[in-house]
């Protein structure tokens, strides 16, 4: 959670990187 905050994931959608690979 702290890492995501520092990376800007809470303030910019472009900072979020999806790592999911399994489709449902």
PDBML (XML) file of the C-alpha atoms, coordinates in Angstrom:
<?xml version="1.0" encoding="UTF-8" ?>
<PDBx:datablock datablockName="MODEL"
   xmlns:PDBx="http://pdbml.pdb.org/schema/pdbx-v50.xsd"
   xmlns:xsi="http://www.w3.org/2001/XMLSchema-instance"
   xsi:schemaLocation="http://pdbml.pdb.org/schema/pdbx-v50.xsd pdbx-v50.xsd">
   <PDBx:atom_siteCategory>
      <PDBx:atom_site id="1">
         <PDBx:B_iso_or_equiv>0.00</PDBx:B_iso_or_equiv>
         <PDBx:Cartn_x>0.000</PDBx:Cartn_x>
         <PDBx:Cartn_y>0.000</PDBx:Cartn_y>
         <PDBx:Cartn_z>0.000</PDBx:Cartn_z>
         <PDBx:auth_asym_id>A</PDBx:auth_asym_id>
         <PDBx:auth_atom_id>CA</PDBx:auth_atom_id>
         <PDBx:auth_comp_id>UNK</PDBx:auth_comp_id>
         <PDBx:auth_seq_id>1</PDBx:auth_seq_id>
         <PDBx:group_PDB>ATOM</PDBx:group_PDB>
         <PDBx:label_alt_id xsi:nil="true" />
         <PDBx:label_asym_id>A</PDBx:label_asym_id>
         <PDBx:label_atom_id>CA</PDBx:label_atom_id>
         <PDBx:label_comp_id>UNK</PDBx:label_comp_id>
         <PDBx:label_entity_id>1</PDBx:label_entity_id>
         <PDBx:label_seq_id>1</PDBx:label_seq_id>
         <PDBx:occupancy>1.00</PDBx:occupancy>
         <PDBx:pdbx_PDB_model_num>1</PDBx:pdbx_PDB_model_num>
         <PDBx:type_symbol>C</PDBx:type_symbol>
      </PDBx:atom_site>
      <PDBx:atom_site id="2">
         <PDBx:B_iso_or_equiv>0.00</PDBx:B_iso_or_equiv>
         <PDBx:Cartn_x>2.798</PDBx:Cartn_x>
         <PDBx:Cartn_y>2.428</PDBx:Cartn_y>
         <PDBx:Cartn_z>0.907</PDBx:Cartn_z>
         <PDBx:auth_asym_id>A</PDBx:auth_asym_id>
         <PDBx:auth_atom_id>CA</PDBx:auth_atom_id>
         <PDBx:auth_comp_id>UNK</PDBx:auth_comp_id>
         <PDBx:auth_seq_id>2</PDBx:auth_seq_id>
         <PDBx:group_PDB>ATOM</PDBx:group_PDB>
         <PDBx:label_alt_id xsi:nil="true" />
         <PDBx:label_asym_id>A</PDBx:label_asym_id>
         <PDBx:label_atom_id>CA</PDBx:label_atom_id>
         <PDBx:label_comp_id>UNK</PDBx:label_comp_id>
         <PDBx:label_entity_id>1</PDBx:label_entity_id>
         <PDBx:label_seq_id>2</PDBx:label_seq_id>
         <PDBx:occupancy>1.00</PDBx:occupancy>
         <PDBx:pdbx_PDB_model_num>1</PDBx:pdbx_PDB_model_num>
         <PDBx:type_symbol>C</PDBx:type_symbol>
      </PDBx:atom_site>
      <PDBx:atom_site id="3">
         <PDBx:B_iso_or_equiv>0.00</PDBx:B_iso_or_equiv>
         <PDBx:Cartn_x>4.694</PDBx:Cartn_x>
         <PDBx:Cartn_y>1.545</PDBx:Cartn_y>
         <PDBx:Cartn_z>-2.272</PDBx:Cartn_z>
         <PDBx:auth_asym_id>A</PDBx:auth_asym_id>
         <PDBx:auth_atom_id>CA</PDBx:auth_atom_id>
         <PDBx:auth_comp_id>UNK</PDBx:auth_comp_id>
         <PDBx:auth_seq_id>3</PDBx:auth_seq_id>
         <PDBx:group_PDB>ATOM</PDBx:group_PDB>
         <PDBx:label_alt_id xsi:nil="true" />
         <PDBx:label_asym_id>A</PDBx:label_asym_id>
         <PDBx:label_atom_id>CA</PDBx:label_atom_id>
         <PDBx:label_comp_id>UNK</PDBx:label_comp_id>
         <PDBx:label_entity_id>1</PDBx:label_entity_id>
         <PDBx:label_seq_id>3</PDBx:label_seq_id>
         <PDBx:occupancy>1.00</PDBx:occupancy>
         <PDBx:pdbx_PDB_model_num>1</PDBx:pdbx_PDB_model_num>
         <PDBx:type_symbol>C</PDBx:type_symbol>
      </PDBx:atom_site>
      <PDBx:atom_site id="4">
         <PDBx:B_iso_or_equiv>0.00</PDBx:B_iso_or_equiv>
         <PDBx:Cartn_x>1.621</PDBx:Cartn_x>
         <PDBx:Cartn_y>2.164</PDBx:Cartn_y>
         <PDBx:Cartn_z>-4.421</PDBx:Cartn_z>
         <PDBx:auth_asym_id>A</PDBx:auth_asym_id>
         <PDBx:auth_atom_id>CA</PDBx:auth_atom_id>
         <PDBx:auth_comp_id>UNK</PDBx:auth_comp_id>
         <PDBx:auth_seq_id>4</PDBx:auth_seq_id>
         <PDBx:group_PDB>ATOM</PDBx:group_PDB>
         <PDBx:label_alt_id xsi:nil="true" />
         <PDBx:label_asym_id>A</PDBx:label_asym_id>
         <PDBx:label_atom_id>CA</PDBx:label_atom_id>
         <PDBx:label_comp_id>UNK</PDBx:label_comp_id>
         <PDBx:label_entity_id>1</PDBx:label_entity_id>
         <PDBx:label_seq_id>4</PDBx:label_seq_id>
         <PDBx:occupancy>1.00</PDBx:occupancy>
         <PDBx:pdbx_PDB_model_num>1</PDBx:pdbx_PDB_model_num>
         <PDBx:type_symbol>C</PDBx:type_symbol>
      </PDBx:atom_site>
      <PDBx:atom_site id="5">
         <PDBx:B_iso_or_equiv>0.00</PDBx:B_iso_or_equiv>
         <PDBx:Cartn_x>1.153</PDBx:Cartn_x>
         <PDBx:Cartn_y>5.560</PDBx:Cartn_y>
         <PDBx:Cartn_z>-2.761</PDBx:Cartn_z>
         <PDBx:auth_asym_id>A</PDBx:auth_asym_id>
         <PDBx:auth_atom_id>CA</PDBx:auth_atom_id>
         <PDBx:auth_comp_id>UNK</PDBx:auth_comp_id>
         <PDBx:auth_seq_id>5</PDBx:auth_seq_id>
         <PDBx:group_PDB>ATOM</PDBx:group_PDB>
         <PDBx:label_alt_id xsi:nil="true" />
         <PDBx:label_asym_id>A</PDBx:label_asym_id>
         <PDBx:label_atom_id>CA</PDBx:label_atom_id>
         <PDBx:label_comp_id>UNK</PDBx:label_comp_id>
         <PDBx:label_entity_id>1</PDBx:label_entity_id>
         <PDBx:label_seq_id>5</PDBx:label_seq_id>
         <PDBx:occupancy>1.00</PDBx:occupancy>
         <PDBx:pdbx_PDB_model_num>1</PDBx:pdbx_PDB_model_num>
         <PDBx:type_symbol>C</PDBx:type_symbol>
      </PDBx:atom_site>
      <PDBx:atom_site id="6">
         <PDBx:B_iso_or_equiv>0.00</PDBx:B_iso_or_equiv>
         <PDBx:Cartn_x>4.781</PDBx:Cartn_x>
         <PDBx:Cartn_y>6.529</PDBx:Cartn_y>
         <PDBx:Cartn_z>-3.438</PDBx:Cartn_z>
         <PDBx:auth_asym_id>A</PDBx:auth_asym_id>
         <PDBx:auth_atom_id>CA</PDBx:auth_atom_id>
         <PDBx:auth_comp_id>UNK</PDBx:auth_comp_id>
         <PDBx:auth_seq_id>6</PDBx:auth_seq_id>
         <PDBx:group_PDB>ATOM</PDBx:group_PDB>
         <PDBx:label_alt_id xsi:nil="true" />
         <PDBx:label_asym_id>A</PDBx:label_asym_id>
         <PDBx:label_atom_id>CA</PDBx:label_atom_id>
         <PDBx:label_comp_id>UNK</PDBx:label_comp_id>
         <PDBx:label_entity_id>1</PDBx:label_entity_id>
         <PDBx:label_seq_id>6</PDBx:label_seq_id>
         <PDBx:occupancy>1.00</PDBx:occupancy>
         <PDBx:pdbx_PDB_model_num>1</PDBx:pdbx_PDB_model_num>
         <PDBx:type_symbol>C</PDBx:type_symbol>
      </PDBx:atom_site>
      <PDBx:atom_site id="7">
         <PDBx:B_iso_or_equiv>0.00</PDBx:B_iso_or_equiv>
         <PDBx:Cartn_x>4.445</PDBx:Cartn_x>
         <PDBx:Cartn_y>5.365</PDBx:Cartn_y>
         <PDBx:Cartn_z>-7.062</PDBx:Cartn_z>
         <PDBx:auth_asym_id>A</PDBx:auth_asym_id>
         <PDBx:auth_atom_id>CA</PDBx:auth_atom_id>
         <PDBx:auth_comp_id>UNK</PDBx:auth_comp_id>
         <PDBx:auth_seq_id>7</PDBx:auth_seq_id>
         <PDBx:group_PDB>ATOM</PDBx:group_PDB>
         <PDBx:label_alt_id xsi:nil="true" />
         <PDBx:label_asym_id>A</PDBx:label_asym_id>
         <PDBx:label_atom_id>CA</PDBx:label_atom_id>
         <PDBx:label_comp_id>UNK</PDBx:label_comp_id>
         <PDBx:label_entity_id>1</PDBx:label_entity_id>
         <PDBx:label_seq_id>7</PDBx:label_seq_id>
         <PDBx:occupancy>1.00</PDBx:occupancy>
         <PDBx:pdbx_PDB_model_num>1</PDBx:pdbx_PDB_model_num>
         <PDBx:type_symbol>C</PDBx:type_symbol>
      </PDBx:atom_site>
      <PDBx:atom_site id="8">
         <PDBx:B_iso_or_equiv>0.00</PDBx:B_iso_or_equiv>
         <PDBx:Cartn_x>1.482</PDBx:Cartn_x>
         <PDBx:Cartn_y>7.682</PDBx:Cartn_y>
         <PDBx:Cartn_z>-7.597</PDBx:Cartn_z>
         <PDBx:auth_asym_id>A</PDBx:auth_asym_id>
         <PDBx:auth_atom_id>CA</PDBx:auth_atom_id>
         <PDBx:auth_comp_id>UNK</PDBx:auth_comp_id>
         <PDBx:auth_seq_id>8</PDBx:auth_seq_id>
         <PDBx:group_PDB>ATOM</PDBx:group_PDB>
         <PDBx:label_alt_id xsi:nil="true" />
         <PDBx:label_asym_id>A</PDBx:label_asym_id>
         <PDBx:label_atom_id>CA</PDBx:label_atom_id>
         <PDBx:label_comp_id>UNK</PDBx:label_comp_id>
         <PDBx:label_entity_id>1</PDBx:label_entity_id>
         <PDBx:label_seq_id>8</PDBx:label_seq_id>
         <PDBx:occupancy>1.00</PDBx:occupancy>
         <PDBx:pdbx_PDB_model_num>1</PDBx:pdbx_PDB_model_num>
         <PDBx:type_symbol>C</PDBx:type_symbol>
      </PDBx:atom_site>
      <PDBx:atom_site id="9">
         <PDBx:B_iso_or_equiv>0.00</PDBx:B_iso_or_equiv>
         <PDBx:Cartn_x>-1.113</PDBx:Cartn_x>
         <PDBx:Cartn_y>4.948</PDBx:Cartn_y>
         <PDBx:Cartn_z>-8.132</PDBx:Cartn_z>
         <PDBx:auth_asym_id>A</PDBx:auth_asym_id>
         <PDBx:auth_atom_id>CA</PDBx:auth_atom_id>
         <PDBx:auth_comp_id>UNK</PDBx:auth_comp_id>
         <PDBx:auth_seq_id>9</PDBx:auth_seq_id>
         <PDBx:group_PDB>ATOM</PDBx:group_PDB>
         <PDBx:label_alt_id xsi:nil="true" />
         <PDBx:label_asym_id>A</PDBx:label_asym_id>
         <PDBx:label_atom_id>CA</PDBx:label_atom_id>
         <PDBx:label_comp_id>UNK</PDBx:label_comp_id>
         <PDBx:label_entity_id>1</PDBx:label_entity_id>
         <PDBx:label_seq_id>9</PDBx:label_seq_id>
         <PDBx:occupancy>1.00</PDBx:occupancy>
         <PDBx:pdbx_PDB_model_num>1</PDBx:pdbx_PDB_model_num>
         <PDBx:type_symbol>C</PDBx:type_symbol>
      </PDBx:atom_site>
      <PDBx:atom_site id="10">
         <PDBx:B_iso_or_equiv>0.00</PDBx:B_iso_or_equiv>
         <PDBx:Cartn_x>-3.639</PDBx:Cartn_x>
         <PDBx:Cartn_y>6.746</PDBx:Cartn_y>
         <PDBx:Cartn_z>-5.918</PDBx:Cartn_z>
         <PDBx:auth_asym_id>A</PDBx:auth_asym_id>
         <PDBx:auth_atom_id>CA</PDBx:auth_atom_id>
         <PDBx:auth_comp_id>UNK</PDBx:auth_comp_id>
         <PDBx:auth_seq_id>10</PDBx:auth_seq_id>
         <PDBx:group_PDB>ATOM</PDBx:group_PDB>
         <PDBx:label_alt_id xsi:nil="true" />
         <PDBx:label_asym_id>A</PDBx:label_asym_id>
         <PDBx:label_atom_id>CA</PDBx:label_atom_id>
         <PDBx:label_comp_id>UNK</PDBx:label_comp_id>
         <PDBx:label_entity_id>1</PDBx:label_entity_id>
         <PDBx:label_seq_id>10</PDBx:label_seq_id>
         <PDBx:occupancy>1.00</PDBx:occupancy>
         <PDBx:pdbx_PDB_model_num>1</PDBx:pdbx_PDB_model_num>
         <PDBx:type_symbol>C</PDBx:type_symbol>
      </PDBx:atom_site>
      <PDBx:atom_site id="11">
         <PDBx:B_iso_or_equiv>0.00</PDBx:B_iso_or_equiv>
         <PDBx:Cartn_x>-3.440</PDBx:Cartn_x>
         <PDBx:Cartn_y>10.021</PDBx:Cartn_y>
         <PDBx:Cartn_z>-7.818</PDBx:Cartn_z>
         <PDBx:auth_asym_id>A</PDBx:auth_asym_id>
         <PDBx:auth_atom_id>CA</PDBx:auth_atom_id>
         <PDBx:auth_comp_id>UNK</PDBx:auth_comp_id>
         <PDBx:auth_seq_id>11</PDBx:auth_seq_id>
         <PDBx:group_PDB>ATOM</PDBx:group_PDB>
         <PDBx:label_alt_id xsi:nil="true" />
         <PDBx:label_asym_id>A</PDBx:label_asym_id>
         <PDBx:label_atom_id>CA</PDBx:label_atom_id>
         <PDBx:label_comp_id>UNK</PDBx:label_comp_id>
         <PDBx:label_entity_id>1</PDBx:label_entity_id>
         <PDBx:label_seq_id>11</PDBx:label_seq_id>
         <PDBx:occupancy>1.00</PDBx:occupancy>
         <PDBx:pdbx_PDB_model_num>1</PDBx:pdbx_PDB_model_num>
         <PDBx:type_symbol>C</PDBx:type_symbol>
      </PDBx:atom_site>
      <PDBx:atom_site id="12">
         <PDBx:B_iso_or_equiv>0.00</PDBx:B_iso_or_equiv>
         <PDBx:Cartn_x>-2.863</PDBx:Cartn_x>
         <PDBx:Cartn_y>8.931</PDBx:Cartn_y>
         <PDBx:Cartn_z>-11.437</PDBx:Cartn_z>
         <PDBx:auth_asym_id>A</PDBx:auth_asym_id>
         <PDBx:auth_atom_id>CA</PDBx:auth_atom_id>
         <PDBx:auth_comp_id>UNK</PDBx:auth_comp_id>
         <PDBx:auth_seq_id>12</PDBx:auth_seq_id>
         <PDBx:group_PDB>ATOM</PDBx:group_PDB>
         <PDBx:label_alt_id xsi:nil="true" />
         <PDBx:label_asym_id>A</PDBx:label_asym_id>
         <PDBx:label_atom_id>CA</PDBx:label_atom_id>
         <PDBx:label_comp_id>UNK</PDBx:label_comp_id>
         <PDBx:label_entity_id>1</PDBx:label_entity_id>
         <PDBx:label_seq_id>12</PDBx:label_seq_id>
         <PDBx:occupancy>1.00</PDBx:occupancy>
         <PDBx:pdbx_PDB_model_num>1</PDBx:pdbx_PDB_model_num>
         <PDBx:type_symbol>C</PDBx:type_symbol>
      </PDBx:atom_site>
      <PDBx:atom_site id="13">
         <PDBx:B_iso_or_equiv>0.00</PDBx:B_iso_or_equiv>
         <PDBx:Cartn_x>-4.455</PDBx:Cartn_x>
         <PDBx:Cartn_y>6.003</PDBx:Cartn_y>
         <PDBx:Cartn_z>-13.260</PDBx:Cartn_z>
         <PDBx:auth_asym_id>A</PDBx:auth_asym_id>
         <PDBx:auth_atom_id>CA</PDBx:auth_atom_id>
         <PDBx:auth_comp_id>UNK</PDBx:auth_comp_id>
         <PDBx:auth_seq_id>13</PDBx:auth_seq_id>
         <PDBx:group_PDB>ATOM</PDBx:group_PDB>
         <PDBx:label_alt_id xsi:nil="true" />
         <PDBx:label_asym_id>A</PDBx:label_asym_id>
         <PDBx:label_atom_id>CA</PDBx:label_atom_id>
         <PDBx:label_comp_id>UNK</PDBx:label_comp_id>
         <PDBx:label_entity_id>1</PDBx:label_entity_id>
         <PDBx:label_seq_id>13</PDBx:label_seq_id>
         <PDBx:occupancy>1.00</PDBx:occupancy>
         <PDBx:pdbx_PDB_model_num>1</PDBx:pdbx_PDB_model_num>
         <PDBx:type_symbol>C</PDBx:type_symbol>
      </PDBx:atom_site>
      <PDBx:atom_site id="14">
         <PDBx:B_iso_or_equiv>0.00</PDBx:B_iso_or_equiv>
         <PDBx:Cartn_x>-1.524</PDBx:Cartn_x>
         <PDBx:Cartn_y>5.921</PDBx:Cartn_y>
         <PDBx:Cartn_z>-15.680</PDBx:Cartn_z>
         <PDBx:auth_asym_id>A</PDBx:auth_asym_id>
         <PDBx:auth_atom_id>CA</PDBx:auth_atom_id>
         <PDBx:auth_comp_id>UNK</PDBx:auth_comp_id>
         <PDBx:auth_seq_id>14</PDBx:auth_seq_id>
         <PDBx:group_PDB>ATOM</PDBx:group_PDB>
         <PDBx:label_alt_id xsi:nil="true" />
         <PDBx:label_asym_id>A</PDBx:label_asym_id>
         <PDBx:label_atom_id>CA</PDBx:label_atom_id>
         <PDBx:label_comp_id>UNK</PDBx:label_comp_id>
         <PDBx:label_entity_id>1</PDBx:label_entity_id>
         <PDBx:label_seq_id>14</PDBx:label_seq_id>
         <PDBx:occupancy>1.00</PDBx:occupancy>
         <PDBx:pdbx_PDB_model_num>1</PDBx:pdbx_PDB_model_num>
         <PDBx:type_symbol>C</PDBx:type_symbol>
      </PDBx:atom_site>
      <PDBx:atom_site id="15">
         <PDBx:B_iso_or_equiv>0.00</PDBx:B_iso_or_equiv>
         <PDBx:Cartn_x>0.775</PDBx:Cartn_x>
         <PDBx:Cartn_y>4.952</PDBx:Cartn_y>
         <PDBx:Cartn_z>-12.805</PDBx:Cartn_z>
         <PDBx:auth_asym_id>A</PDBx:auth_asym_id>
         <PDBx:auth_atom_id>CA</PDBx:auth_atom_id>
         <PDBx:auth_comp_id>UNK</PDBx:auth_comp_id>
         <PDBx:auth_seq_id>15</PDBx:auth_seq_id>
         <PDBx:group_PDB>ATOM</PDBx:group_PDB>
         <PDBx:label_alt_id xsi:nil="true" />
         <PDBx:label_asym_id>A</PDBx:label_asym_id>
         <PDBx:label_atom_id>CA</PDBx:label_atom_id>
         <PDBx:label_comp_id>UNK</PDBx:label_comp_id>
         <PDBx:label_entity_id>1</PDBx:label_entity_id>
         <PDBx:label_seq_id>15</PDBx:label_seq_id>
         <PDBx:occupancy>1.00</PDBx:occupancy>
         <PDBx:pdbx_PDB_model_num>1</PDBx:pdbx_PDB_model_num>
         <PDBx:type_symbol>C</PDBx:type_symbol>
      </PDBx:atom_site>
      <PDBx:atom_site id="16">
         <PDBx:B_iso_or_equiv>0.00</PDBx:B_iso_or_equiv>
         <PDBx:Cartn_x>-1.068</PDBx:Cartn_x>
         <PDBx:Cartn_y>1.676</PDBx:Cartn_y>
         <PDBx:Cartn_z>-12.234</PDBx:Cartn_z>
         <PDBx:auth_asym_id>A</PDBx:auth_asym_id>
         <PDBx:auth_atom_id>CA</PDBx:auth_atom_id>
         <PDBx:auth_comp_id>UNK</PDBx:auth_comp_id>
         <PDBx:auth_seq_id>16</PDBx:auth_seq_id>
         <PDBx:group_PDB>ATOM</PDBx:group_PDB>
         <PDBx:label_alt_id xsi:nil="true" />
         <PDBx:label_asym_id>A</PDBx:label_asym_id>
         <PDBx:label_atom_id>CA</PDBx:label_atom_id>
         <PDBx:label_comp_id>UNK</PDBx:label_comp_id>
         <PDBx:label_entity_id>1</PDBx:label_entity_id>
         <PDBx:label_seq_id>16</PDBx:label_seq_id>
         <PDBx:occupancy>1.00</PDBx:occupancy>
         <PDBx:pdbx_PDB_model_num>1</PDBx:pdbx_PDB_model_num>
         <PDBx:type_symbol>C</PDBx:type_symbol>
      </PDBx:atom_site>
      <PDBx:atom_site id="17">
         <PDBx:B_iso_or_equiv>0.00</PDBx:B_iso_or_equiv>
         <PDBx:Cartn_x>0.462</PDBx:Cartn_x>
         <PDBx:Cartn_y>-1.383</PDBx:Cartn_y>
         <PDBx:Cartn_z>-13.861</PDBx:Cartn_z>
         <PDBx:auth_asym_id>A</PDBx:auth_asym_id>
         <PDBx:auth_atom_id>CA</PDBx:auth_atom_id>
         <PDBx:auth_comp_id>UNK</PDBx:auth_comp_id>
         <PDBx:auth_seq_id>17</PDBx:auth_seq_id>
         <PDBx:group_PDB>ATOM</PDBx:group_PDB>
         <PDBx:label_alt_id xsi:nil="true" />
         <PDBx:label_asym_id>A</PDBx:label_asym_id>
         <PDBx:label_atom_id>CA</PDBx:label_atom_id>
         <PDBx:label_comp_id>UNK</PDBx:label_comp_id>
         <PDBx:label_entity_id>1</PDBx:label_entity_id>
         <PDBx:label_seq_id>17</PDBx:label_seq_id>
         <PDBx:occupancy>1.00</PDBx:occupancy>
         <PDBx:pdbx_PDB_model_num>1</PDBx:pdbx_PDB_model_num>
         <PDBx:type_symbol>C</PDBx:type_symbol>
      </PDBx:atom_site>
      <PDBx:atom_site id="18">
         <PDBx:B_iso_or_equiv>0.00</PDBx:B_iso_or_equiv>
         <PDBx:Cartn_x>-1.682</PDBx:Cartn_x>
         <PDBx:Cartn_y>-4.511</PDBx:Cartn_y>
         <PDBx:Cartn_z>-14.095</PDBx:Cartn_z>
         <PDBx:auth_asym_id>A</PDBx:auth_asym_id>
         <PDBx:auth_atom_id>CA</PDBx:auth_atom_id>
         <PDBx:auth_comp_id>UNK</PDBx:auth_comp_id>
         <PDBx:auth_seq_id>18</PDBx:auth_seq_id>
         <PDBx:group_PDB>ATOM</PDBx:group_PDB>
         <PDBx:label_alt_id xsi:nil="true" />
         <PDBx:label_asym_id>A</PDBx:label_asym_id>
         <PDBx:label_atom_id>CA</PDBx:label_atom_id>
         <PDBx:label_comp_id>UNK</PDBx:label_comp_id>
         <PDBx:label_entity_id>1</PDBx:label_entity_id>
         <PDBx:label_seq_id>18</PDBx:label_seq_id>
         <PDBx:occupancy>1.00</PDBx:occupancy>
         <PDBx:pdbx_PDB_model_num>1</PDBx:pdbx_PDB_model_num>
         <PDBx:type_symbol>C</PDBx:type_symbol>
      </PDBx:atom_site>
      <PDBx:atom_site id="19">
         <PDBx:B_iso_or_equiv>0.00</PDBx:B_iso_or_equiv>
         <PDBx:Cartn_x>0.173</PDBx:Cartn_x>
         <PDBx:Cartn_y>-7.743</PDBx:Cartn_y>
         <PDBx:Cartn_z>-13.457</PDBx:Cartn_z>
         <PDBx:auth_asym_id>A</PDBx:auth_asym_id>
         <PDBx:auth_atom_id>CA</PDBx:auth_atom_id>
         <PDBx:auth_comp_id>UNK</PDBx:auth_comp_id>
         <PDBx:auth_seq_id>19</PDBx:auth_seq_id>
         <PDBx:group_PDB>ATOM</PDBx:group_PDB>
         <PDBx:label_alt_id xsi:nil="true" />
         <PDBx:label_asym_id>A</PDBx:label_asym_id>
         <PDBx:label_atom_id>CA</PDBx:label_atom_id>
         <PDBx:label_comp_id>UNK</PDBx:label_comp_id>
         <PDBx:label_entity_id>1</PDBx:label_entity_id>
         <PDBx:label_seq_id>19</PDBx:label_seq_id>
         <PDBx:occupancy>1.00</PDBx:occupancy>
         <PDBx:pdbx_PDB_model_num>1</PDBx:pdbx_PDB_model_num>
         <PDBx:type_symbol>C</PDBx:type_symbol>
      </PDBx:atom_site>
      <PDBx:atom_site id="20">
         <PDBx:B_iso_or_equiv>0.00</PDBx:B_iso_or_equiv>
         <PDBx:Cartn_x>-2.830</PDBx:Cartn_x>
         <PDBx:Cartn_y>-10.042</PDBx:Cartn_y>
         <PDBx:Cartn_z>-13.770</PDBx:Cartn_z>
         <PDBx:auth_asym_id>A</PDBx:auth_asym_id>
         <PDBx:auth_atom_id>CA</PDBx:auth_atom_id>
         <PDBx:auth_comp_id>UNK</PDBx:auth_comp_id>
         <PDBx:auth_seq_id>20</PDBx:auth_seq_id>
         <PDBx:group_PDB>ATOM</PDBx:group_PDB>
         <PDBx:label_alt_id xsi:nil="true" />
         <PDBx:label_asym_id>A</PDBx:label_asym_id>
         <PDBx:label_atom_id>CA</PDBx:label_atom_id>
         <PDBx:label_comp_id>UNK</PDBx:label_comp_id>
         <PDBx:label_entity_id>1</PDBx:label_entity_id>
         <PDBx:label_seq_id>20</PDBx:label_seq_id>
         <PDBx:occupancy>1.00</PDBx:occupancy>
         <PDBx:pdbx_PDB_model_num>1</PDBx:pdbx_PDB_model_num>
         <PDBx:type_symbol>C</PDBx:type_symbol>
      </PDBx:atom_site>
      <PDBx:atom_site id="21">
         <PDBx:B_iso_or_equiv>0.00</PDBx:B_iso_or_equiv>
         <PDBx:Cartn_x>-2.632</PDBx:Cartn_x>
         <PDBx:Cartn_y>-12.683</PDBx:Cartn_y>
         <PDBx:Cartn_z>-16.465</PDBx:Cartn_z>
         <PDBx:auth_asym_id>A</PDBx:auth_asym_id>
         <PDBx:auth_atom_id>CA</PDBx:auth_atom_id>
         <PDBx:auth_comp_id>UNK</PDBx:auth_comp_id>
         <PDBx:auth_seq_id>21</PDBx:auth_seq_id>
         <PDBx:group_PDB>ATOM</PDBx:group_PDB>
         <PDBx:label_alt_id xsi:nil="true" />
         <PDBx:label_asym_id>A</PDBx:label_asym_id>
         <PDBx:label_atom_id>CA</PDBx:label_atom_id>
         <PDBx:label_comp_id>UNK</PDBx:label_comp_id>
         <PDBx:label_entity_id>1</PDBx:label_entity_id>
         <PDBx:label_seq_id>21</PDBx:label_seq_id>
         <PDBx:occupancy>1.00</PDBx:occupancy>
         <PDBx:pdbx_PDB_model_num>1</PDBx:pdbx_PDB_model_num>
         <PDBx:type_symbol>C</PDBx:type_symbol>
      </PDBx:atom_site>
      <PDBx:atom_site id="22">
         <PDBx:B_iso_or_equiv>0.00</PDBx:B_iso_or_equiv>
         <PDBx:Cartn_x>-5.393</PDBx:Cartn_x>
         <PDBx:Cartn_y>-15.201</PDBx:Cartn_y>
         <PDBx:Cartn_z>-15.714</PDBx:Cartn_z>
         <PDBx:auth_asym_id>A</PDBx:auth_asym_id>
         <PDBx:auth_atom_id>CA</PDBx:auth_atom_id>
         <PDBx:auth_comp_id>UNK</PDBx:auth_comp_id>
         <PDBx:auth_seq_id>22</PDBx:auth_seq_id>
         <PDBx:group_PDB>ATOM</PDBx:group_PDB>
         <PDBx:label_alt_id xsi:nil="true" />
         <PDBx:label_asym_id>A</PDBx:label_asym_id>
         <PDBx:label_atom_id>CA</PDBx:label_atom_id>
         <PDBx:label_comp_id>UNK</PDBx:label_comp_id>
         <PDBx:label_entity_id>1</PDBx:label_entity_id>
         <PDBx:label_seq_id>22</PDBx:label_seq_id>
         <PDBx:occupancy>1.00</PDBx:occupancy>
         <PDBx:pdbx_PDB_model_num>1</PDBx:pdbx_PDB_model_num>
         <PDBx:type_symbol>C</PDBx:type_symbol>
      </PDBx:atom_site>
      <PDBx:atom_site id="23">
         <PDBx:B_iso_or_equiv>0.00</PDBx:B_iso_or_equiv>
         <PDBx:Cartn_x>-8.591</PDBx:Cartn_x>
         <PDBx:Cartn_y>-14.359</PDBx:Cartn_y>
         <PDBx:Cartn_z>-17.595</PDBx:Cartn_z>
         <PDBx:auth_asym_id>A</PDBx:auth_asym_id>
         <PDBx:auth_atom_id>CA</PDBx:auth_atom_id>
         <PDBx:auth_comp_id>UNK</PDBx:auth_comp_id>
         <PDBx:auth_seq_id>23</PDBx:auth_seq_id>
         <PDBx:group_PDB>ATOM</PDBx:group_PDB>
         <PDBx:label_alt_id xsi:nil="true" />
         <PDBx:label_asym_id>A</PDBx:label_asym_id>
         <PDBx:label_atom_id>CA</PDBx:label_atom_id>
         <PDBx:label_comp_id>UNK</PDBx:label_comp_id>
         <PDBx:label_entity_id>1</PDBx:label_entity_id>
         <PDBx:label_seq_id>23</PDBx:label_seq_id>
         <PDBx:occupancy>1.00</PDBx:occupancy>
         <PDBx:pdbx_PDB_model_num>1</PDBx:pdbx_PDB_model_num>
         <PDBx:type_symbol>C</PDBx:type_symbol>
      </PDBx:atom_site>
      <PDBx:atom_site id="24">
         <PDBx:B_iso_or_equiv>0.00</PDBx:B_iso_or_equiv>
         <PDBx:Cartn_x>-12.052</PDBx:Cartn_x>
         <PDBx:Cartn_y>-14.753</PDBx:Cartn_y>
         <PDBx:Cartn_z>-16.080</PDBx:Cartn_z>
         <PDBx:auth_asym_id>A</PDBx:auth_asym_id>
         <PDBx:auth_atom_id>CA</PDBx:auth_atom_id>
         <PDBx:auth_comp_id>UNK</PDBx:auth_comp_id>
         <PDBx:auth_seq_id>24</PDBx:auth_seq_id>
         <PDBx:group_PDB>ATOM</PDBx:group_PDB>
         <PDBx:label_alt_id xsi:nil="true" />
         <PDBx:label_asym_id>A</PDBx:label_asym_id>
         <PDBx:label_atom_id>CA</PDBx:label_atom_id>
         <PDBx:label_comp_id>UNK</PDBx:label_comp_id>
         <PDBx:label_entity_id>1</PDBx:label_entity_id>
         <PDBx:label_seq_id>24</PDBx:label_seq_id>
         <PDBx:occupancy>1.00</PDBx:occupancy>
         <PDBx:pdbx_PDB_model_num>1</PDBx:pdbx_PDB_model_num>
         <PDBx:type_symbol>C</PDBx:type_symbol>
      </PDBx:atom_site>
   </PDBx:atom_siteCategory>
</PDBx:datablock>
